[in-house]
Amino acid sequence: MNTHPSVISKIIRRLYNRETVSYVIFGALTSIVNIGVFEFFFLTGSDYRTANLIALITAKLFAYVVNKLFVFRTKTGSVGALLREFGLFTLARGSTMILDWVGLILLVSMLGLSEHVGKLIITVIVIILNYVFGKFLVFKKIPAGDQGMDSAEHR
């Protein structure tokens, strides 16, 4: 009998941990904020592009706070380190925000999808990219002794 865990069980154990579960939970909350703000402004008469921009900015700020505090639990030992982390977050989420913005316009205007379906499709793509950027670019764990360091080589 094979005593080694199967490949599938290894993958499940790797994916099913506090970080990924909390990312899914807070990602869902961020998506609710995003879609909720979008729907509010869209249904109150705003153009879908304006509603989307307001929703994206609101959701990105919410996402930074919950990702830092609850998902990746990073500590920054100085104002410079905090600003660098927020800057990287802004850069990463700015790129997915542009993808979200342009993607929705393309899905609606070029493919003829409804604003609601287009928003859901692009949101799924952005969620996956945001996790990858967050984990490997923004919220990298810093060794305890380097938390106050401001140089890029300690990121």
Protein backbone atom coordinates (compact mmCIF):
# COMPACT_ATOMS: atom_id res chain seq x y z
CA MET A 1 0.00 0.00 0.00
CA ASN A 2 1.26 3.46 -0.90
CA THR A 3 1.97 5.52 2.25
CA HIS A 4 2.72 8.74 0.35
CA PRO A 5 -0.07 11.28 0.14
CA SER A 6 -1.57 11.67 -3.28
CA VAL A 7 -0.80 14.64 -5.45
CA ILE A 8 -4.38 15.88 -5.08
CA SER A 9 -4.24 15.79 -1.28
CA LYS A 10 -0.95 17.71 -1.36
CA ILE A 11 -2.51 20.38 -3.55
CA ILE A 12 -5.57 20.60 -1.30
CA ARG A 13 -3.40 20.97 1.82
CA ARG A 14 -1.32 23.65 0.10
CA LEU A 15 -4.38 25.63 -1.01
CA TYR A 16 -6.47 25.11 2.11
CA ASN A 17 -4.76 27.18 4.78
CA ARG A 18 -5.54 30.25 6.88
CA GLU A 19 -4.18 32.65 4.28
CA THR A 20 -6.07 31.32 1.27
CA VAL A 21 -9.29 30.82 3.21
CA SER A 22 -9.13 34.34 4.63
CA TYR A 23 -8.28 35.68 1.15
CA VAL A 24 -11.40 34.02 -0.23
CA ILE A 25 -13.53 35.44 2.60
CA PHE A 26 -12.13 38.98 2.40
CA GLY A 27 -11.98 38.78 -1.38
CA ALA A 28 -15.68 37.99 -1.37
CA LEU A 29 -16.31 40.95 0.95
CA THR A 30 -14.19 43.19 -1.30
CA SER A 31 -16.17 41.96 -4.31
CA ILE A 32 -19.42 42.71 -2.48
CA VAL A 33 -18.15 46.24 -1.77
CA ASN A 34 -17.06 46.59 -5.42
CA ILE A 35 -20.28 45.29 -6.94
CA GLY A 36 -22.48 46.94 -4.30
CA VAL A 37 -20.98 50.39 -4.84
CA PHE A 38 -21.13 49.85 -8.63
CA GLU A 39 -24.80 48.84 -8.51
CA PHE A 40 -25.68 51.72 -6.15
CA PHE A 41 -24.19 54.38 -8.42
CA PHE A 42 -25.36 52.68 -11.62
CA LEU A 43 -28.92 52.31 -10.37
CA THR A 44 -29.01 55.92 -9.15
CA GLY A 45 -28.30 57.16 -12.66
CA SER A 46 -24.51 57.28 -12.99
CA ASP A 47 -22.93 56.15 -16.23
CA TYR A 48 -21.59 52.60 -15.80
CA ARG A 49 -18.02 53.81 -16.37
CA THR A 50 -18.29 56.40 -13.58
CA ALA A 51 -20.03 53.92 -11.28
CA ASN A 52 -17.25 51.41 -11.96
CA LEU A 53 -14.47 53.92 -11.21
CA ILE A 54 -16.02 54.89 -7.86
CA ALA A 55 -16.57 51.22 -7.01
CA LEU A 56 -13.00 50.29 -7.90
CA ILE A 57 -11.40 53.02 -5.78
CA THR A 58 -13.63 52.19 -2.80
CA ALA A 59 -12.96 48.47 -3.10
CA LYS A 60 -9.18 48.95 -3.49
CA LEU A 61 -8.94 50.95 -0.27
CA PHE A 62 -11.04 48.37 1.57
CA ALA A 63 -8.89 45.58 0.12
CA TYR A 64 -5.61 47.11 1.29
CA VAL A 65 -6.80 47.30 4.89
CA VAL A 66 -8.23 43.76 5.06
CA ASN A 67 -5.35 42.18 3.13
CA LYS A 68 -2.76 43.81 5.37
CA LEU A 69 -4.52 43.13 8.66
CA PHE A 70 -6.32 39.83 8.14
CA VAL A 71 -5.03 37.96 5.08
CA PHE A 72 -1.27 38.42 4.79
CA ARG A 73 -0.81 39.90 8.30
CA THR A 74 2.24 41.92 7.40
CA LYS A 75 4.03 44.15 9.85
CA THR A 76 5.83 47.26 8.74
CA GLY A 77 8.40 48.65 11.12
CA SER A 78 8.60 52.14 9.72
CA VAL A 79 6.56 54.73 7.90
CA GLY A 80 8.81 54.21 4.87
CA ALA A 81 8.09 50.48 4.84
CA LEU A 82 4.36 51.13 5.18
CA LEU A 83 4.44 53.66 2.35
CA ARG A 84 6.42 51.24 0.16
CA GLU A 85 3.94 48.47 0.85
CA PHE A 86 0.97 50.75 0.11
CA GLY A 87 2.76 52.01 -3.01
CA LEU A 88 3.30 48.45 -4.28
CA PHE A 89 -0.32 47.64 -3.44
CA THR A 90 -1.49 50.74 -5.31
CA LEU A 91 0.67 49.82 -8.31
CA ALA A 92 -0.50 46.20 -8.37
CA ARG A 93 -4.15 47.00 -7.77
CA GLY A 94 -3.92 49.96 -10.14
CA SER A 95 -2.92 47.58 -12.91
CA THR A 96 -5.83 45.23 -12.16
CA MET A 97 -8.10 48.26 -11.81
CA ILE A 98 -7.16 49.29 -15.35
CA LEU A 99 -7.82 45.73 -16.48
CA ASP A 100 -11.19 45.85 -14.68
CA TRP A 101 -12.04 49.24 -16.19
CA VAL A 102 -11.02 48.43 -19.78
CA GLY A 103 -12.23 44.84 -19.56
CA LEU A 104 -15.73 45.88 -18.55
CA ILE A 105 -15.92 48.43 -21.35
CA LEU A 106 -14.75 45.81 -23.88
CA LEU A 107 -17.16 43.17 -22.59
CA VAL A 108 -20.07 45.61 -22.73
CA SER A 109 -19.32 47.65 -25.86
CA MET A 110 -17.55 45.11 -28.06
CA LEU A 111 -19.01 41.76 -26.97
CA GLY A 112 -22.46 43.10 -26.13
CA LEU A 113 -22.67 41.60 -22.64
CA SER A 114 -24.84 43.30 -20.07
CA GLU A 115 -23.08 45.60 -17.61
CA HIS A 116 -23.92 43.18 -14.78
CA VAL A 117 -22.62 40.01 -16.46
CA GLY A 118 -19.52 41.84 -17.69
CA LYS A 119 -18.81 43.11 -14.18
CA LEU A 120 -19.07 39.59 -12.72
CA ILE A 121 -16.77 38.05 -15.36
CA ILE A 122 -14.07 40.69 -15.04
CA THR A 123 -14.28 40.55 -11.23
CA VAL A 124 -13.38 36.83 -11.19
CA ILE A 125 -10.31 37.45 -13.36
CA VAL A 126 -9.22 40.39 -11.20
CA ILE A 127 -9.63 38.42 -7.94
CA ILE A 128 -7.19 35.76 -9.13
CA LEU A 129 -4.62 38.31 -10.31
CA ASN A 130 -4.94 40.32 -7.08
CA TYR A 131 -4.09 37.27 -4.97
CA VAL A 132 -1.01 36.50 -7.04
CA PHE A 133 0.19 40.13 -6.91
CA GLY A 134 -0.61 40.42 -3.20
CA LYS A 135 1.18 37.25 -2.19
CA PHE A 136 4.27 37.52 -4.36
CA LEU A 137 4.76 41.27 -4.79
CA VAL A 138 3.06 43.39 -2.14
CA PHE A 139 2.65 41.52 1.14
CA LYS A 140 5.87 39.53 1.15
CA LYS A 141 6.99 38.46 4.59
CA ILE A 142 10.01 40.43 5.81
CA PRO A 143 12.45 38.81 8.26
CA ALA A 144 11.87 40.22 11.77
CA GLY A 145 15.19 42.06 11.88
CA ASP A 146 14.54 43.80 8.54
CA GLN A 147 11.10 45.25 9.27
CA GLY A 148 12.42 48.71 9.88
CA MET A 149 14.69 48.67 6.83
CA ASP A 150 13.66 50.87 3.94
CA SER A 151 15.87 49.45 1.21
CA ALA A 152 14.31 47.49 -1.63
CA GLU A 153 16.56 44.48 -1.18
CA HIS A 154 14.72 43.64 2.04
CA ARG A 155 11.35 43.23 0.28
